[in-house]
Every structure is written in structure tokens, then in C-alpha cells.
Amino acid sequence: MNFFHPRHGRRSLAQMISDIQAYIHEEPTANYKIVIGTDSQTREKETIFVTAIIVQRIGKGAIFYYTKKRHKAMRELRYRIYRETEYSLEFVELLKKKGFFGFGVNIPMEIHLDVGQQGETRKLIQEVVGWVTAVGYTAKIKPESFAASAVADRFTK
């Protein structure tokens, strides 16, 4: 799995984890938050899913990385939203498996979902927020879900 950073370009999972750990260790007394979100865009023949990870140094900036997955076109909104949620949760599990959360810093984490009170996705809020909270994570929806609705969305185009 390859990740992309706006200045450093393509990064492996190990390089991304190392970069993030170095970023946190630059200012170990700062407050941080990790945010993960996925968005998708369906074109004629394919759907592109982008998962973003953002590490916020609260009040002092952030760094982010993203990864893309391509699938045959998915037209059904419910299925795409479920897949976006699934990819975000799978990414957290991958980070855990690679020891990402074991470097001695307790950092809050949020899963940002590309659903909101406006539009068709409002019907899915309870389902996907329930899913994320049932597995133990904090879920955010629009307009607070910037990882999915702004960062990941930008790279689906």
C-alpha cells in the first residue's frame, strides 16, 4: 500500500509511520489528534476511494497522507458510504497491527464520515456512526468531518 504526502510524494506505510512519529516527537508536549476519513468519487467505469490520515498539532498545524483504491463503478450511495466507513476502520486496524499507536503517546483519534444532515446521506448517519462507535472510536459527521469531506474529497477528483 502506497501513501502520498503533498511535499514528500510517495511513501510506504513504514515511511509514513516513521514520518508521523518524528513529527510528534518534534514537539512531544504539544496536544495532538489523529483523524482518519475516506471519501469516494464514482466515474463512468470506476469508483475511486481516498483515505486520508491527518495528524493535527492542535493550534499549530498538521500533516497528512492519503492512499487511493480503485473499484468497479459503485452507483449505490449506501454501499459506497459503507465501503468508505469500512476502509477507514480497516486503516486504523492496519496502523494498530504495525504498532503505530504503541510509541508511548496517548493521542485521541476520530473517524470522519462523509455523511451529514443535508442530502441523501442523512439516512445513513445512525448506521455508520453506530458502527464506528460500536468498535470503540469517536465518529464525526459533516460539517466536522473534514478528513473525509475536505482532505480525502480533494484527492478523489
C-alpha atoms as a PDB file:
ATOM      1  CA  MET A   1       0.000   0.000   0.000  1.00  0.00           C
ATOM      2  CA  ASN A   2       1.401   3.368  -1.019  1.00  0.00           C
ATOM      3  CA  PHE A   3       0.676   6.656   0.658  1.00  0.00           C
ATOM      4  CA  PHE A   4       1.182  10.157  -0.644  1.00  0.00           C
ATOM      5  CA  HIS A   5       2.359  13.292   1.107  1.00  0.00           C
ATOM      6  CA  PRO A   6       1.952  16.671  -0.607  1.00  0.00           C
ATOM      7  CA  ARG A   7       5.674  17.536  -0.359  1.00  0.00           C
ATOM      8  CA  HIS A   8       7.410  14.175   0.050  1.00  0.00           C
ATOM      9  CA  GLY A   9       5.431  12.280  -2.592  1.00  0.00           C
ATOM     10  CA  ARG A  10       5.040   8.515  -2.473  1.00  0.00           C
ATOM     11  CA  ARG A  11       5.709   6.902   0.911  1.00  0.00           C
ATOM     12  CA  SER A  12       5.479   3.328   2.134  1.00  0.00           C
ATOM     13  CA  LEU A  13       3.419   2.514   5.212  1.00  0.00           C
ATOM     14  CA  ALA A  14       6.624   2.209   7.270  1.00  0.00           C
ATOM     15  CA  GLN A  15       7.911   5.566   5.999  1.00  0.00           C
ATOM     16  CA  MET A  16       4.593   7.259   6.740  1.00  0.00           C
ATOM     17  CA  ILE A  17       4.524   5.886  10.285  1.00  0.00           C
ATOM     18  CA  SER A  18       8.125   6.983  10.813  1.00  0.00           C
ATOM     19  CA  ASP A  19       7.352  10.476   9.462  1.00  0.00           C
ATOM     20  CA  ILE A  20       4.349  10.836  11.775  1.00  0.00           C
ATOM     21  CA  GLN A  21       6.281   9.626  14.805  1.00  0.00           C
ATOM     22  CA  ALA A  22       9.084  12.101  14.017  1.00  0.00           C
ATOM     23  CA  TYR A  23       6.509  14.893  13.656  1.00  0.00           C
ATOM     24  CA  ILE A  24       5.055  14.101  17.075  1.00  0.00           C
ATOM     25  CA  HIS A  25       8.486  13.813  18.693  1.00  0.00           C
ATOM     26  CA  GLU A  26       9.445  17.286  17.363  1.00  0.00           C
ATOM     27  CA  GLU A  27       7.068  18.770  19.943  1.00  0.00           C
ATOM     28  CA  PRO A  28       6.241  15.990  22.390  1.00  0.00           C
ATOM     29  CA  THR A  29       4.448  18.325  24.831  1.00  0.00           C
ATOM     30  CA  ALA A  30       2.008  19.633  22.212  1.00  0.00           C
ATOM     31  CA  ASN A  31      -1.546  18.325  22.016  1.00  0.00           C
ATOM     32  CA  TYR A  32      -2.290  16.105  19.031  1.00  0.00           C
ATOM     33  CA  LYS A  33      -5.278  14.477  17.385  1.00  0.00           C
ATOM     34  CA  ILE A  34      -5.305  11.790  14.706  1.00  0.00           C
ATOM     35  CA  VAL A  35      -8.115  11.961  12.197  1.00  0.00           C
ATOM     36  CA  ILE A  36      -8.926   9.342   9.549  1.00  0.00           C
ATOM     37  CA  GLY A  37     -11.549   9.692   6.846  1.00  0.00           C
ATOM     38  CA  THR A  38     -12.453   8.232   3.475  1.00  0.00           C
ATOM     39  CA  ASP A  39     -14.332   9.719   0.542  1.00  0.00           C
ATOM     40  CA  SER A  40     -15.239   8.329  -2.868  1.00  0.00           C
ATOM     41  CA  GLN A  41     -15.989   9.558  -6.343  1.00  0.00           C
ATOM     42  CA  THR A  42     -17.745   7.452  -8.973  1.00  0.00           C
ATOM     43  CA  ARG A  43     -16.904   7.981 -12.594  1.00  0.00           C
ATOM     44  CA  GLU A  44     -18.235   6.160 -15.641  1.00  0.00           C
ATOM     45  CA  LYS A  45     -16.249   2.942 -15.155  1.00  0.00           C
ATOM     46  CA  GLU A  46     -14.771   3.150 -11.665  1.00  0.00           C
ATOM     47  CA  THR A  47     -15.117   4.431  -8.148  1.00  0.00           C
ATOM     48  CA  ILE A  48     -12.055   5.926  -6.511  1.00  0.00           C
ATOM     49  CA  PHE A  49     -11.771   5.740  -2.728  1.00  0.00           C
ATOM     50  CA  VAL A  50      -9.313   8.004  -0.928  1.00  0.00           C
ATOM     51  CA  THR A  51      -8.449   7.500   2.731  1.00  0.00           C
ATOM     52  CA  ALA A  52      -6.679  10.343   4.499  1.00  0.00           C
ATOM     53  CA  ILE A  53      -4.827  10.374   7.806  1.00  0.00           C
ATOM     54  CA  ILE A  54      -4.270  13.750   9.394  1.00  0.00           C
ATOM     55  CA  VAL A  55      -2.147  14.373  12.460  1.00  0.00           C
ATOM     56  CA  GLN A  56      -3.119  17.697  13.987  1.00  0.00           C
ATOM     57  CA  ARG A  57      -0.781  19.523  16.298  1.00  0.00           C
ATOM     58  CA  ILE A  58      -3.643  21.386  17.930  1.00  0.00           C
ATOM     59  CA  GLY A  59      -3.314  25.116  17.250  1.00  0.00           C
ATOM     60  CA  LYS A  60      -0.001  24.619  15.427  1.00  0.00           C
ATOM     61  CA  GLY A  61      -0.731  22.937  12.100  1.00  0.00           C
ATOM     62  CA  ALA A  62      -0.949  19.407  10.818  1.00  0.00           C
ATOM     63  CA  ILE A  63       0.491  16.858   8.427  1.00  0.00           C
ATOM     64  CA  PHE A  64      -1.470  14.472   6.265  1.00  0.00           C
ATOM     65  CA  TYR A  65      -1.118  11.472   3.984  1.00  0.00           C
ATOM     66  CA  TYR A  66      -3.583   9.729   1.729  1.00  0.00           C
ATOM     67  CA  THR A  67      -3.967   6.497  -0.193  1.00  0.00           C
ATOM     68  CA  LYS A  68      -6.192   5.587  -3.146  1.00  0.00           C
ATOM     69  CA  LYS A  69      -8.108   2.448  -4.070  1.00  0.00           C
ATOM     70  CA  ARG A  70      -9.927   1.870  -7.344  1.00  0.00           C
ATOM     71  CA  HIS A  71     -13.020  -0.291  -7.809  1.00  0.00           C
ATOM     72  CA  LYS A  72     -15.509  -1.045 -10.494  1.00  0.00           C
ATOM     73  CA  ALA A  73     -18.103   1.752 -10.536  1.00  0.00           C
ATOM     74  CA  MET A  74     -20.387   1.658  -7.495  1.00  0.00           C
ATOM     75  CA  ARG A  75     -23.594   3.558  -8.115  1.00  0.00           C
ATOM     76  CA  GLU A  76     -25.477   2.814  -4.897  1.00  0.00           C
ATOM     77  CA  LEU A  77     -24.832   5.525  -2.288  1.00  0.00           C
ATOM     78  CA  ARG A  78     -25.461   3.297   0.747  1.00  0.00           C
ATOM     79  CA  TYR A  79     -22.914   0.751  -0.449  1.00  0.00           C
ATOM     80  CA  ARG A  80     -20.302   3.464  -1.135  1.00  0.00           C
ATOM     81  CA  ILE A  81     -20.776   5.059   2.306  1.00  0.00           C
ATOM     82  CA  TYR A  82     -20.466   1.659   3.966  1.00  0.00           C
ATOM     83  CA  ARG A  83     -17.310   0.963   1.958  1.00  0.00           C
ATOM     84  CA  GLU A  84     -15.855   4.367   2.937  1.00  0.00           C
ATOM     85  CA  THR A  85     -16.506   3.593   6.604  1.00  0.00           C
ATOM     86  CA  GLU A  86     -15.043   0.124   6.210  1.00  0.00           C
ATOM     87  CA  TYR A  87     -11.851   1.485   4.617  1.00  0.00           C
ATOM     88  CA  SER A  88     -11.356   3.991   7.441  1.00  0.00           C
ATOM     89  CA  LEU A  89     -11.800   1.292  10.081  1.00  0.00           C
ATOM     90  CA  GLU A  90      -9.539  -1.143   8.207  1.00  0.00           C
ATOM     91  CA  PHE A  91      -6.874   1.549   8.057  1.00  0.00           C
ATOM     92  CA  VAL A  92      -6.996   2.011  11.845  1.00  0.00           C
ATOM     93  CA  GLU A  93      -6.616  -1.741  12.291  1.00  0.00           C
ATOM     94  CA  LEU A  94      -3.649  -1.791   9.894  1.00  0.00           C
ATOM     95  CA  LEU A  95      -1.992   1.015  11.885  1.00  0.00           C
ATOM     96  CA  LYS A  96      -2.561  -0.908  15.126  1.00  0.00           C
ATOM     97  CA  LYS A  97      -1.106  -4.074  13.607  1.00  0.00           C
ATOM     98  CA  LYS A  98       2.021  -2.146  12.563  1.00  0.00           C
ATOM     99  CA  GLY A  99       2.490  -0.751  16.088  1.00  0.00           C
ATOM    100  CA  PHE A 100       1.570   2.816  15.180  1.00  0.00           C
ATOM    101  CA  PHE A 101      -0.207   3.511  18.454  1.00  0.00           C
ATOM    102  CA  GLY A 102       2.494   1.926  20.597  1.00  0.00           C
ATOM    103  CA  PHE A 103       5.118   4.667  20.589  1.00  0.00           C
ATOM    104  CA  GLY A 104       4.317   5.995  24.026  1.00  0.00           C
ATOM    105  CA  VAL A 105       1.965   8.879  23.266  1.00  0.00           C
ATOM    106  CA  ASN A 106      -1.745   8.735  24.032  1.00  0.00           C
ATOM    107  CA  ILE A 107      -3.344  10.639  21.171  1.00  0.00           C
ATOM    108  CA  PRO A 108      -7.105  10.928  20.661  1.00  0.00           C
ATOM    109  CA  MET A 109      -8.400   9.640  17.344  1.00  0.00           C
ATOM    110  CA  GLU A 110     -11.504  10.383  15.296  1.00  0.00           C
ATOM    111  CA  ILE A 111     -13.073   8.668  12.305  1.00  0.00           C
ATOM    112  CA  HIS A 112     -14.568  11.230   9.939  1.00  0.00           C
ATOM    113  CA  LEU A 113     -17.571  10.079   7.942  1.00  0.00           C
ATOM    114  CA  ASP A 114     -18.765  11.653   4.715  1.00  0.00           C
ATOM    115  CA  VAL A 115     -22.380  11.871   5.867  1.00  0.00           C
ATOM    116  CA  GLY A 116     -24.383  14.817   7.139  1.00  0.00           C
ATOM    117  CA  GLN A 117     -27.795  16.207   7.996  1.00  0.00           C
ATOM    118  CA  GLN A 118     -28.221  17.576   4.444  1.00  0.00           C
ATOM    119  CA  GLY A 119     -28.812  15.416   1.392  1.00  0.00           C
ATOM    120  CA  GLU A 120     -29.283  11.691   0.896  1.00  0.00           C
ATOM    121  CA  THR A 121     -26.586  10.624   3.368  1.00  0.00           C
ATOM    122  CA  ARG A 122     -28.640  11.820   6.350  1.00  0.00           C
ATOM    123  CA  LYS A 123     -30.486   8.475   6.204  1.00  0.00           C
ATOM    124  CA  LEU A 124     -27.218   6.654   6.875  1.00  0.00           C
ATOM    125  CA  ILE A 125     -25.910   8.679   9.824  1.00  0.00           C
ATOM    126  CA  GLN A 126     -27.253   6.460  12.587  1.00  0.00           C
ATOM    127  CA  GLU A 127     -25.990   3.294  10.907  1.00  0.00           C
ATOM    128  CA  VAL A 128     -22.402   4.337  10.198  1.00  0.00           C
ATOM    129  CA  VAL A 129     -21.936   6.387  13.379  1.00  0.00           C
ATOM    130  CA  GLY A 130     -23.274   3.399  15.335  1.00  0.00           C
ATOM    131  CA  TRP A 131     -20.821   1.106  13.566  1.00  0.00           C
ATOM    132  CA  VAL A 132     -17.817   3.329  14.325  1.00  0.00           C
ATOM    133  CA  THR A 133     -18.758   3.905  17.963  1.00  0.00           C
ATOM    134  CA  ALA A 134     -19.570   0.202  18.461  1.00  0.00           C
ATOM    135  CA  VAL A 135     -15.962  -0.679  17.659  1.00  0.00           C
ATOM    136  CA  GLY A 136     -14.716   1.963  20.102  1.00  0.00           C
ATOM    137  CA  TYR A 137     -13.904   5.079  18.074  1.00  0.00           C
ATOM    138  CA  THR A 138     -15.205   8.631  18.005  1.00  0.00           C
ATOM    139  CA  ALA A 139     -17.193   9.403  14.861  1.00  0.00           C
ATOM    140  CA  LYS A 140     -17.643  12.856  13.335  1.00  0.00           C
ATOM    141  CA  ILE A 141     -20.085  13.821  10.593  1.00  0.00           C
ATOM    142  CA  LYS A 142     -20.379  16.893   8.369  1.00  0.00           C
ATOM    143  CA  PRO A 143     -19.610  19.710   8.926  1.00  0.00           C
ATOM    144  CA  GLU A 144     -16.992  18.435  11.423  1.00  0.00           C
ATOM    145  CA  SER A 145     -15.751  15.563   9.224  1.00  0.00           C
ATOM    146  CA  PHE A 146     -13.084  17.495   7.324  1.00  0.00           C
ATOM    147  CA  ALA A 147     -10.802  14.468   6.817  1.00  0.00           C
ATOM    148  CA  ALA A 148     -13.434  12.875   4.591  1.00  0.00           C
ATOM    149  CA  SER A 149     -15.363  15.841   3.237  1.00  0.00           C
ATOM    150  CA  ALA A 150     -12.405  18.135   2.512  1.00  0.00           C
ATOM    151  CA  VAL A 151      -8.997  16.388   2.504  1.00  0.00           C
ATOM    152  CA  ALA A 152      -9.930  12.965   1.072  1.00  0.00           C
ATOM    153  CA  ASP A 153     -12.501  14.568  -1.233  1.00  0.00           C
ATOM    154  CA  ARG A 154      -9.815  16.794  -2.765  1.00  0.00           C
ATOM    155  CA  PHE A 155      -7.839  13.762  -3.963  1.00  0.00           C
ATOM    156  CA  THR A 156     -10.788  11.809  -5.413  1.00  0.00           C
ATOM    157  CA  LYS A 157     -11.007  14.257  -8.319  1.00  0.00           C
END
